[in-house]
C-alpha atoms as a PDB file:
ATOM      1  CA  MET A   1     104.293  69.842  82.619  1.00  0.00           C
ATOM      2  CA  ASN A   2     101.410  72.339  82.945  1.00  0.00           C
ATOM      3  CA  THR A   3     101.968  75.095  85.471  1.00  0.00           C
ATOM      4  CA  VAL A   4     100.951  78.623  86.607  1.00  0.00           C
ATOM      5  CA  LEU A   5     103.350  81.510  85.861  1.00  0.00           C
ATOM      6  CA  HIS A   6     103.378  84.154  88.659  1.00  0.00           C
ATOM      7  CA  GLY A   7     106.340  86.230  87.481  1.00  0.00           C
ATOM      8  CA  PHE A   8     109.977  86.317  86.548  1.00  0.00           C
ATOM      9  CA  ALA A   9     113.215  86.497  88.575  1.00  0.00           C
ATOM     10  CA  GLY A  10     115.924  88.821  87.283  1.00  0.00           C
ATOM     11  CA  TYR A  11     119.652  88.120  87.756  1.00  0.00           C
ATOM     12  CA  PHE A  12     122.770  89.195  85.920  1.00  0.00           C
ATOM     13  CA  ASP A  13     126.385  88.367  85.472  1.00  0.00           C
ATOM     14  CA  THR A  14     128.964  90.257  83.492  1.00  0.00           C
ATOM     15  CA  VAL A  15     132.563  90.135  82.453  1.00  0.00           C
ATOM     16  CA  LEU A  16     134.082  93.536  83.119  1.00  0.00           C
ATOM     17  CA  TYR A  17     137.515  92.736  81.709  1.00  0.00           C
ATOM     18  CA  LYS A  18     139.282  89.417  81.080  1.00  0.00           C
ATOM     19  CA  GLU A  19     138.689  87.488  84.327  1.00  0.00           C
ATOM     20  CA  SER A  20     137.089  90.340  86.308  1.00  0.00           C
ATOM     21  CA  VAL A  21     133.477  89.147  86.746  1.00  0.00           C
ATOM     22  CA  LEU A  22     130.438  90.369  88.640  1.00  0.00           C
ATOM     23  CA  SER A  23     127.482  88.054  89.271  1.00  0.00           C
ATOM     24  CA  ILE A  24     124.363  87.809  91.297  1.00  0.00           C
ATOM     25  CA  VAL A  25     123.342  84.529  89.732  1.00  0.00           C
ATOM     26  CA  PRO A  26     123.107  82.089  92.758  1.00  0.00           C
ATOM     27  CA  LYS A  27     125.500  79.454  91.264  1.00  0.00           C
ATOM     28  CA  THR A  28     128.169  82.040  90.279  1.00  0.00           C
ATOM     29  CA  HIS A  29     127.562  84.780  92.894  1.00  0.00           C
ATOM     30  CA  SER A  30     130.528  87.072  93.360  1.00  0.00           C
ATOM     31  CA  PRO A  31     131.913  86.914  96.948  1.00  0.00           C
ATOM     32  CA  GLY A  32     131.394  90.113  98.864  1.00  0.00           C
ATOM     33  CA  MET A  33     128.820  91.453  96.390  1.00  0.00           C
ATOM     34  CA  PHE A  34     126.390  93.475  98.473  1.00  0.00           C
ATOM     35  CA  SER A  35     125.381  96.382  96.165  1.00  0.00           C
ATOM     36  CA  TRP A  36     123.300  94.446  93.632  1.00  0.00           C
ATOM     37  CA  PHE A  37     120.294  92.260  94.284  1.00  0.00           C
ATOM     38  CA  PRO A  38     117.982  90.031  92.199  1.00  0.00           C
ATOM     39  CA  ILE A  39     114.616  91.502  91.197  1.00  0.00           C
ATOM     40  CA  TYR A  40     111.186  89.862  90.939  1.00  0.00           C
ATOM     41  CA  PHE A  41     108.897  90.924  88.120  1.00  0.00           C
ATOM     42  CA  PRO A  42     105.417  89.735  89.237  1.00  0.00           C
ATOM     43  CA  LEU A  43     102.422  89.257  87.028  1.00  0.00           C
ATOM     44  CA  LYS A  44      99.235  90.819  88.380  1.00  0.00           C
ATOM     45  CA  THR A  45      97.213  87.958  86.957  1.00  0.00           C
ATOM     46  CA  PRO A  46      98.890  84.492  87.082  1.00  0.00           C
ATOM     47  CA  VAL A  47      98.926  82.793  83.654  1.00  0.00           C
ATOM     48  CA  GLN A  48      98.251  79.102  82.942  1.00  0.00           C
ATOM     49  CA  VAL A  49     101.098  77.652  80.880  1.00  0.00           C
ATOM     50  CA  THR A  50     100.729  74.291  79.195  1.00  0.00           C
ATOM     51  CA  ALA A  51     103.576  71.972  78.332  1.00  0.00           C
ATOM     52  CA  GLY A  52     105.231  73.013  75.081  1.00  0.00           C
ATOM     53  CA  SER A  53     103.672  76.473  74.914  1.00  0.00           C
ATOM     54  CA  ARG A  54     105.711  79.583  74.358  1.00  0.00           C
ATOM     55  CA  VAL A  55     106.014  82.445  76.886  1.00  0.00           C
ATOM     56  CA  THR A  56     107.128  85.740  75.343  1.00  0.00           C
ATOM     57  CA  VAL A  57     108.074  88.470  77.833  1.00  0.00           C
ATOM     58  CA  HIS A  58     108.904  92.128  77.032  1.00  0.00           C
ATOM     59  CA  MET A  59     110.802  94.311  79.458  1.00  0.00           C
ATOM     60  CA  TRP A  60     111.746  97.974  79.319  1.00  0.00           C
ATOM     61  CA  ARG A  61     114.033 100.071  81.503  1.00  0.00           C
ATOM     62  CA  ARG A  62     112.610 103.595  81.784  1.00  0.00           C
ATOM     63  CA  VAL A  63     114.122 106.747  83.226  1.00  0.00           C
ATOM     64  CA  SER A  64     113.056 110.262  84.194  1.00  0.00           C
ATOM     65  CA  SER A  65     115.127 113.066  85.610  1.00  0.00           C
ATOM     66  CA  LYS A  66     114.469 111.699  89.139  1.00  0.00           C
ATOM     67  CA  ASN A  67     113.855 107.942  88.847  1.00  0.00           C
ATOM     68  CA  VAL A  68     114.523 104.711  86.994  1.00  0.00           C
ATOM     69  CA  TRP A  69     112.049 101.843  86.800  1.00  0.00           C
ATOM     70  CA  TYR A  70     111.137  98.755  84.829  1.00  0.00           C
ATOM     71  CA  GLU A  71     107.999  97.974  82.848  1.00  0.00           C
ATOM     72  CA  TRP A  72     107.085  94.491  81.695  1.00  0.00           C
ATOM     73  CA  THR A  73     104.360  92.393  80.047  1.00  0.00           C
ATOM     74  CA  ILE A  74     103.881  89.154  78.260  1.00  0.00           C
ATOM     75  CA  SER A  75     102.385  88.745  74.780  1.00  0.00           C
ATOM     76  CA  GLU A  76     102.202  84.946  74.762  1.00  0.00           C
ATOM     77  CA  PRO A  77     100.429  82.673  75.633  1.00  0.00           C
ATOM     78  CA  HIS A  78      97.955  85.428  76.665  1.00  0.00           C
ATOM     79  CA  PRO A  79      98.640  89.182  76.288  1.00  0.00           C
ATOM     80  CA  LEU A  80      98.612  91.167  79.554  1.00  0.00           C
ATOM     81  CA  ASN A  81      98.618  94.847  80.301  1.00  0.00           C
ATOM     82  CA  ILE A  82     101.997  96.579  80.920  1.00  0.00           C
ATOM     83  CA  HIS A  83     102.996  96.250  84.583  1.00  0.00           C
ATOM     84  CA  ASN A  84     104.436  99.197  86.507  1.00  0.00           C
ATOM     85  CA  ALA A  85     103.568 101.641  83.704  1.00  0.00           C
ATOM     86  CA  LYS A  86     105.283 105.000  84.259  1.00  0.00           C
ATOM     87  CA  GLY A  87     106.723 103.607  87.508  1.00  0.00           C
ATOM     88  CA  ARG A  88     103.306 103.806  89.205  1.00  0.00           C
ATOM     89  CA  SER A  89     104.138 100.923  91.637  1.00  0.00           C
ATOM     90  CA  TYR A  90     107.892 101.074  92.058  1.00  0.00           C
ATOM     91  CA  THR A  91     110.757 103.354  91.072  1.00  0.00           C
ATOM     92  CA  ILE A  92     114.375 103.636  92.128  1.00  0.00           C
ATOM     93  CA  GLY A  93     115.570 107.203  92.933  1.00  0.00           C
ATOM     94  CA  LEU A  94     118.572 108.665  91.090  1.00  0.00           C
END
């Protein structure tokens, strides 16, 4: 199916030890988990994606003495500029 890519949703789940698990994935969400939330990585310019094509995404977690932020881009099917470079649009205070 051909579609338009507007961004990526970010979730995680982890096994801390044996059966001690944390998850924000909707199907396996940990009960009572209020301190972690999904993240949306938008693309400034939506990208047309054709059936069978490859989408290659690159993500970096950056940190300064005061903040942490994510930067992202895609290199396929069409390269885009790095989004949120140097945390210019969004950072999380430390």
